[in-house]
Amino acid sequence: MDINENIIKEEVGNLVTSLQKLLPKKKDIVVLFETKKQKLTRLSDIHAEAKSVFPNCFIGAKLVILRDMVDKVKLIQQYNYGKPKESYKSFAQLLHKELEPKEEHDGLLIDSSGSATAIYKEKIEGDYEMRLTSKIKDLVSSETEIVLEKENQRVLGSVTCAMKDVDPNTLRFVTQWTYRVLPEFFIGGEFGLQPLVFPLSPELSASARYERPSFSLSSTISRVGFQVCLYKQFAPDLRIATIVNEGYKGDPATVGLALHKSYQNGSDLKIFVDSQRCGGFTFQKDVMFHQPHNEVRVIRLVASTLIDRQRRVRFGFGFNLDF
């Protein structure tokens, strides 16, 4: 049987094209470090710009797949090898739901661990908005949260009621508010309480923020510690941030410095160092595959390096696919 070189090239090309079709099509990929400007920043987002500059270093290998199954239903699949989760925190989170996504859309979110999260939002008379979030992890583990939020030109406040595993003893109320004192300066506070747990131990915190289009200075003081965040954007593709943490349990104060650089070729680099002699970086790049009919498919590559307190250098590598 004669082997024709052109036939081999055609078959290989068809195979490559078929494999490329398994990749997600290019669309507006959500960039995690960009914070949407609002009329008034939520209290849980008061340090968002500065903390988003710091990389989320991980160890091992991971594959994350986000797929829109049907209308308002999304499936998240994450496969890990080694220790891909964050093994070191370069800053503390002192506020309720800090750095968690706030712009969830109505629908159902299912992940590969078997948990499902349902989100429902509705506008109520006036400026109120109600959000109901129900997360079911398994047959005996669940979490339900109701948030009532109101916003106007000077005040943004919310009341959250949450319960885990349908256990009244886990009932928790959290109220957050921010008040704009000046166009560039506002203050905020948080109060949390578990009314059925004795002795009562309310959680209190106070925050302040001064912001400009490319600069922000924010601080939070609570029962567990004190934090100051400084953020500065030098150029559209270059940002730096500094975070100072001090706990009230005898822990020494720590200072962290981070840099975020974006490149025109779709690459993204984040680096951090801190006073505990730790450091690390993450590098991600979107690789484009061009197909006939002007179709473009993309795969996001993510690499990570972490230097811990024992001066050990650890590496991580992963893929992010968003269908």
Protein backbone atom coordinates (compact mmCIF):
# COMPACT_ATOMS: atom_id res chain seq x y z
CA MET A 1 0.00 0.00 0.00
CA ASP A 2 1.46 3.35 -1.08
CA ILE A 3 1.56 6.10 1.50
CA ASN A 4 0.82 9.48 0.01
CA GLU A 5 2.44 12.40 1.88
CA ASN A 6 -0.43 14.74 1.03
CA ILE A 7 -2.96 12.31 2.48
CA ILE A 8 -0.97 12.07 5.72
CA LYS A 9 -0.81 15.87 6.01
CA GLU A 10 -4.54 16.12 5.37
CA GLU A 11 -5.36 13.50 7.99
CA VAL A 12 -3.10 15.15 10.56
CA GLY A 13 -4.65 18.52 9.80
CA ASN A 14 -8.14 17.10 10.25
CA LEU A 15 -7.10 15.58 13.57
CA VAL A 16 -5.66 18.88 14.82
CA THR A 17 -8.80 20.73 13.72
CA SER A 18 -10.98 18.22 15.55
CA LEU A 19 -8.94 18.64 18.73
CA GLN A 20 -9.18 22.42 18.47
CA LYS A 21 -12.96 22.19 18.28
CA LEU A 22 -12.89 20.72 21.79
CA LEU A 23 -11.51 24.01 23.09
CA PRO A 24 -13.85 26.85 24.10
CA LYS A 25 -14.60 29.61 21.63
CA LYS A 26 -13.12 33.00 22.32
CA LYS A 27 -15.47 35.35 24.14
CA ASP A 28 -15.29 38.19 26.61
CA ILE A 29 -13.22 36.52 29.30
CA VAL A 30 -13.84 37.96 32.73
CA VAL A 31 -10.64 39.49 34.07
CA LEU A 32 -10.61 38.87 37.79
CA PHE A 33 -8.51 41.86 38.80
CA GLU A 34 -10.85 44.43 37.27
CA THR A 35 -13.29 45.87 39.77
CA LYS A 36 -16.49 47.30 38.35
CA LYS A 37 -17.03 50.86 39.41
CA GLN A 38 -20.28 51.46 41.22
CA LYS A 39 -22.01 54.48 42.63
CA LEU A 40 -20.75 53.47 46.04
CA THR A 41 -18.35 50.64 46.88
CA ARG A 42 -19.69 47.84 49.04
CA LEU A 43 -18.00 47.41 52.39
CA SER A 44 -16.79 43.93 51.43
CA ASP A 45 -15.08 45.49 48.37
CA ILE A 46 -13.36 48.29 50.25
CA HIS A 47 -9.90 46.74 49.69
CA ALA A 48 -10.71 45.03 46.39
CA GLU A 49 -8.26 46.87 44.11
CA ALA A 50 -5.24 46.41 46.38
CA LYS A 51 -5.91 42.75 47.20
CA SER A 52 -6.60 41.83 43.59
CA VAL A 53 -3.02 42.83 42.70
CA PHE A 54 -1.67 40.00 44.88
CA PRO A 55 -1.37 36.63 43.11
CA ASN A 56 -3.28 33.50 44.18
CA CYS A 57 -0.30 31.15 44.24
CA PHE A 58 -1.03 27.41 44.17
CA ILE A 59 0.96 24.17 44.25
CA GLY A 60 0.58 21.14 42.01
CA ALA A 61 -1.50 20.85 38.86
CA LYS A 62 -5.12 21.77 38.23
CA LEU A 63 -7.66 21.93 35.44
CA VAL A 64 -10.68 24.23 35.75
CA ILE A 65 -13.55 23.98 33.25
CA LEU A 66 -16.55 26.34 33.22
CA ARG A 67 -19.36 25.29 30.91
CA ASP A 68 -22.76 26.88 30.23
CA MET A 69 -25.07 23.87 29.99
CA VAL A 70 -28.47 25.46 29.41
CA ASP A 71 -29.96 28.85 30.14
CA LYS A 72 -29.03 29.94 33.70
CA VAL A 73 -27.22 26.68 34.46
CA LYS A 74 -23.41 26.56 34.67
CA LEU A 75 -21.16 23.60 35.46
CA ILE A 76 -17.75 24.02 37.12
CA GLN A 77 -15.32 21.12 36.93
CA GLN A 78 -12.02 21.29 38.80
CA TYR A 79 -9.45 18.51 38.81
CA ASN A 80 -6.47 18.76 41.15
CA TYR A 81 -3.18 16.91 41.44
CA GLY A 82 -0.92 17.59 44.41
CA LYS A 83 -1.82 20.64 46.48
CA PRO A 84 -3.30 23.18 44.09
CA LYS A 85 -5.14 25.17 46.75
CA GLU A 86 -3.64 28.31 48.21
CA SER A 87 -1.08 27.23 50.79
CA TYR A 88 -0.11 30.72 51.96
CA LYS A 89 -2.11 33.86 52.59
CA SER A 90 -0.26 37.12 52.10
CA PHE A 91 -3.09 39.11 53.71
CA ALA A 92 -6.03 38.62 56.06
CA GLN A 93 -9.73 39.00 55.30
CA LEU A 94 -11.45 40.93 58.07
CA LEU A 95 -14.87 41.50 56.48
CA HIS A 96 -17.84 39.26 55.73
CA LYS A 97 -17.80 37.83 52.17
CA GLU A 98 -14.66 39.79 51.34
CA LEU A 99 -13.28 39.25 47.81
CA GLU A 100 -16.16 36.93 46.90
CA PRO A 101 -18.00 37.69 43.63
CA LYS A 102 -20.90 40.08 44.22
CA GLU A 103 -22.38 40.21 40.73
CA GLU A 104 -23.86 36.74 40.61
CA HIS A 105 -26.54 36.12 38.02
CA ASP A 106 -29.75 34.24 38.63
CA GLY A 107 -29.41 30.56 37.95
CA LEU A 108 -27.91 27.28 39.06
CA LEU A 109 -24.19 26.58 39.51
CA ILE A 110 -23.02 22.95 39.73
CA ASP A 111 -19.44 21.87 40.44
CA SER A 112 -17.64 18.57 40.12
CA SER A 113 -17.59 18.01 43.91
CA GLY A 114 -21.34 17.43 43.85
CA SER A 115 -22.50 20.73 45.35
CA ALA A 116 -25.10 22.98 43.73
CA THR A 117 -25.66 26.70 44.29
CA ALA A 118 -28.95 28.38 43.33
CA ILE A 119 -29.17 32.19 43.17
CA TYR A 120 -32.33 34.25 42.91
CA LYS A 121 -32.52 38.06 42.82
CA GLU A 122 -35.49 40.38 42.81
CA LYS A 123 -36.00 44.12 42.97
CA ILE A 124 -38.35 45.25 45.70
CA GLU A 125 -40.29 48.49 45.93
CA GLY A 126 -37.94 51.41 46.30
CA ASP A 127 -34.19 50.94 46.08
CA TYR A 128 -34.16 47.53 47.76
CA GLU A 129 -32.78 44.37 46.23
CA MET A 130 -33.18 40.87 47.66
CA ARG A 131 -30.76 38.01 46.91
CA LEU A 132 -31.45 34.44 47.95
CA THR A 133 -28.53 31.99 47.75
CA SER A 134 -28.94 28.32 48.59
CA LYS A 135 -25.97 25.94 48.46
CA ILE A 136 -26.38 22.19 48.86
CA LYS A 137 -23.15 20.24 49.32
CA ASP A 138 -24.64 16.81 50.00
CA LEU A 139 -27.68 15.20 51.61
CA VAL A 140 -26.91 16.58 55.08
CA SER A 141 -24.86 19.71 54.36
CA SER A 142 -26.40 22.93 53.07
CA GLU A 143 -26.13 26.68 53.39
CA THR A 144 -28.86 29.27 52.88
CA GLU A 145 -28.37 33.03 52.77
CA ILE A 146 -30.77 35.93 52.27
CA VAL A 147 -29.41 39.43 51.59
CA LEU A 148 -31.51 42.60 51.63
CA GLU A 149 -29.63 45.56 50.15
CA LYS A 150 -30.43 49.21 49.57
CA GLU A 151 -28.37 51.84 47.77
CA ASN A 152 -28.67 55.55 47.11
CA GLN A 153 -26.22 58.33 46.30
CA ARG A 154 -24.69 58.52 49.80
CA VAL A 155 -25.49 55.26 51.61
CA LEU A 156 -25.23 51.59 50.68
CA GLY A 157 -26.38 49.11 53.31
CA SER A 158 -27.23 45.44 53.51
CA VAL A 159 -28.60 42.93 56.01
CA THR A 160 -27.63 39.27 55.65
CA CYS A 161 -29.26 36.29 57.30
CA ALA A 162 -27.44 32.95 56.92
CA MET A 163 -27.91 29.43 58.24
CA LYS A 164 -25.95 26.19 57.75
CA ASP A 165 -27.32 22.64 57.68
CA VAL A 166 -30.79 23.89 58.73
CA ASP A 167 -29.39 24.24 62.28
CA PRO A 168 -30.85 27.21 64.22
CA ASN A 169 -27.68 27.42 66.31
CA THR A 170 -25.77 28.47 63.18
CA LEU A 171 -28.15 31.36 62.45
CA ARG A 172 -26.10 34.52 61.85
CA PHE A 173 -27.06 38.11 61.12
CA VAL A 174 -24.58 40.49 59.46
CA THR A 175 -25.23 44.11 58.61
CA GLN A 176 -22.85 46.21 56.51
CA TRP A 177 -23.07 49.85 55.49
CA THR A 178 -20.97 52.52 53.80
CA TYR A 179 -21.57 56.28 53.91
CA ARG A 180 -20.05 58.81 51.53
CA VAL A 181 -18.77 61.74 53.57
CA LEU A 182 -17.01 63.47 50.66
CA PRO A 183 -16.89 62.58 46.94
CA GLU A 184 -13.50 60.87 47.50
CA PHE A 185 -13.91 59.71 51.11
CA PHE A 186 -16.36 57.38 52.81
CA ILE A 187 -16.62 55.34 55.97
CA GLY A 188 -18.27 52.03 56.75
CA GLY A 189 -19.02 49.53 59.46
CA GLU A 190 -19.98 45.90 60.00
CA PHE A 191 -21.91 44.20 62.79
CA GLY A 192 -22.32 40.44 63.05
CA LEU A 193 -24.14 38.36 65.64
CA GLN A 194 -25.25 34.76 66.25
CA PRO A 195 -28.31 35.33 68.47
CA LEU A 196 -28.75 31.68 69.56
CA VAL A 197 -25.14 31.16 70.67
CA PHE A 198 -24.30 32.01 74.27
CA PRO A 199 -22.46 33.88 75.51
CA LEU A 200 -23.19 36.46 72.84
CA SER A 201 -20.06 37.55 71.00
CA PRO A 202 -20.84 40.32 68.51
CA GLU A 203 -18.38 41.02 65.71
CA LEU A 204 -17.63 44.69 65.09
CA SER A 205 -15.44 46.43 62.55
CA ALA A 206 -14.96 49.95 61.19
CA SER A 207 -13.50 50.93 57.81
CA ALA A 208 -12.51 54.04 55.90
CA ARG A 209 -11.52 54.63 52.28
CA TYR A 210 -10.07 57.48 50.26
CA GLU A 211 -10.11 56.98 46.50
CA ARG A 212 -9.10 58.63 43.26
CA PRO A 213 -9.35 57.22 39.71
CA SER A 214 -5.89 55.63 39.92
CA PHE A 215 -5.25 55.63 43.67
CA SER A 216 -6.93 54.34 46.82
CA LEU A 217 -6.07 54.14 50.52
CA SER A 218 -8.29 52.02 52.77
CA SER A 219 -8.18 50.62 56.29
CA THR A 220 -10.20 48.31 58.54
CA ILE A 221 -10.05 47.74 62.28
CA SER A 222 -11.82 44.85 63.99
CA ARG A 223 -11.56 42.55 67.00
CA VAL A 224 -9.06 40.30 65.24
CA GLY A 225 -6.74 42.89 63.78
CA PHE A 226 -5.95 46.04 61.86
CA GLN A 227 -5.26 46.42 58.15
CA VAL A 228 -4.16 49.20 55.79
CA CYS A 229 -4.20 48.82 51.98
CA LEU A 230 -2.55 51.13 49.48
CA TYR A 231 -3.25 50.80 45.75
CA LYS A 232 -1.70 52.75 42.88
CA GLN A 233 -2.12 52.38 39.12
CA PHE A 234 0.89 53.83 37.28
CA ALA A 235 -0.30 52.90 33.79
CA PRO A 236 -3.22 51.01 32.23
CA ASP A 237 -1.09 47.86 32.30
CA LEU A 238 0.90 48.37 35.54
CA ARG A 239 -0.40 48.38 39.13
CA ILE A 240 1.16 48.01 42.57
CA ALA A 241 -0.28 47.49 46.04
CA THR A 242 0.92 47.40 49.64
CA ILE A 243 -0.92 45.73 52.54
CA VAL A 244 -0.05 46.09 56.23
CA ASN A 245 -1.57 43.54 58.63
CA GLU A 246 -1.40 43.56 62.41
CA GLY A 247 -3.22 41.04 64.61
CA TYR A 248 -4.26 41.34 68.24
CA LYS A 249 -3.03 37.88 69.26
CA GLY A 250 0.61 38.75 69.59
CA ASP A 251 1.43 38.18 65.94
CA PRO A 252 3.97 40.62 64.51
CA ALA A 253 2.88 43.11 61.90
CA THR A 254 3.48 42.03 58.31
CA VAL A 255 3.97 44.13 55.19
CA GLY A 256 3.29 42.79 51.72
CA LEU A 257 4.13 44.37 48.36
CA ALA A 258 2.68 43.20 45.03
CA LEU A 259 3.01 44.17 41.36
CA HIS A 260 0.66 43.36 38.49
CA LYS A 261 1.78 43.73 34.88
CA SER A 262 -0.36 43.05 31.79
CA TYR A 263 1.04 42.55 28.30
CA GLN A 264 -0.48 43.23 24.89
CA ASN A 265 -0.08 39.59 23.82
CA GLY A 266 -2.62 38.45 26.42
CA SER A 267 -0.11 37.57 29.14
CA ASP A 268 -0.56 38.55 32.76
CA LEU A 269 2.07 38.58 35.56
CA LYS A 270 1.55 39.06 39.31
CA ILE A 271 4.43 39.11 41.84
CA PHE A 272 4.46 39.54 45.61
CA VAL A 273 6.96 39.61 48.51
CA ASP A 274 6.36 40.21 52.20
CA SER A 275 8.19 40.81 55.47
CA GLN A 276 7.94 37.10 56.40
CA ARG A 277 10.46 36.31 53.66
CA CYS A 278 7.77 34.77 51.51
CA GLY A 279 7.14 35.50 47.88
CA GLY A 280 5.77 34.15 44.67
CA PHE A 281 4.23 34.91 41.33
CA THR A 282 1.59 33.73 38.89
CA PHE A 283 1.81 33.99 35.12
CA GLN A 284 -1.12 33.38 32.80
CA LYS A 285 -1.45 33.55 29.04
CA ASP A 286 -4.34 33.09 26.64
CA VAL A 287 -3.32 30.90 23.71
CA MET A 288 -5.44 31.51 20.60
CA PHE A 289 -6.20 28.92 17.91
CA HIS A 290 -7.52 30.39 14.65
CA GLN A 291 -9.89 28.27 12.59
CA PRO A 292 -11.69 28.71 9.27
CA HIS A 293 -14.76 30.95 9.13
CA ASN A 294 -13.00 33.45 11.46
CA GLU A 295 -13.54 31.29 14.54
CA VAL A 296 -11.09 31.71 17.39
CA ARG A 297 -10.67 29.22 20.22
CA VAL A 298 -8.72 29.89 23.38
CA ILE A 299 -7.07 28.07 26.26
CA ARG A 300 -5.73 29.88 29.34
CA LEU A 301 -2.43 28.61 30.74
CA VAL A 302 -1.56 29.41 34.36
CA ALA A 303 1.82 28.91 36.07
CA SER A 304 2.60 29.57 39.73
CA THR A 305 5.66 29.69 42.00
CA LEU A 306 5.63 30.06 45.78
CA ILE A 307 8.50 30.55 48.26
CA ASP A 308 7.28 29.77 51.79
CA ARG A 309 8.69 30.54 55.25
CA GLN A 310 11.00 27.51 55.10
CA ARG A 311 12.48 28.96 51.89
CA ARG A 312 11.11 26.06 49.88
CA VAL A 313 10.35 26.78 46.24
CA ARG A 314 7.16 25.13 45.00
CA PHE A 315 5.55 25.17 41.60
CA GLY A 316 2.07 24.88 40.14
CA PHE A 317 0.63 24.63 36.65
CA GLY A 318 -2.92 24.62 35.34
CA PHE A 319 -5.41 25.19 32.53
CA ASN A 320 -8.58 27.30 32.65
CA LEU A 321 -11.28 26.65 30.06
CA ASP A 322 -14.45 28.75 29.85
CA PHE A 323 -17.01 27.35 27.37
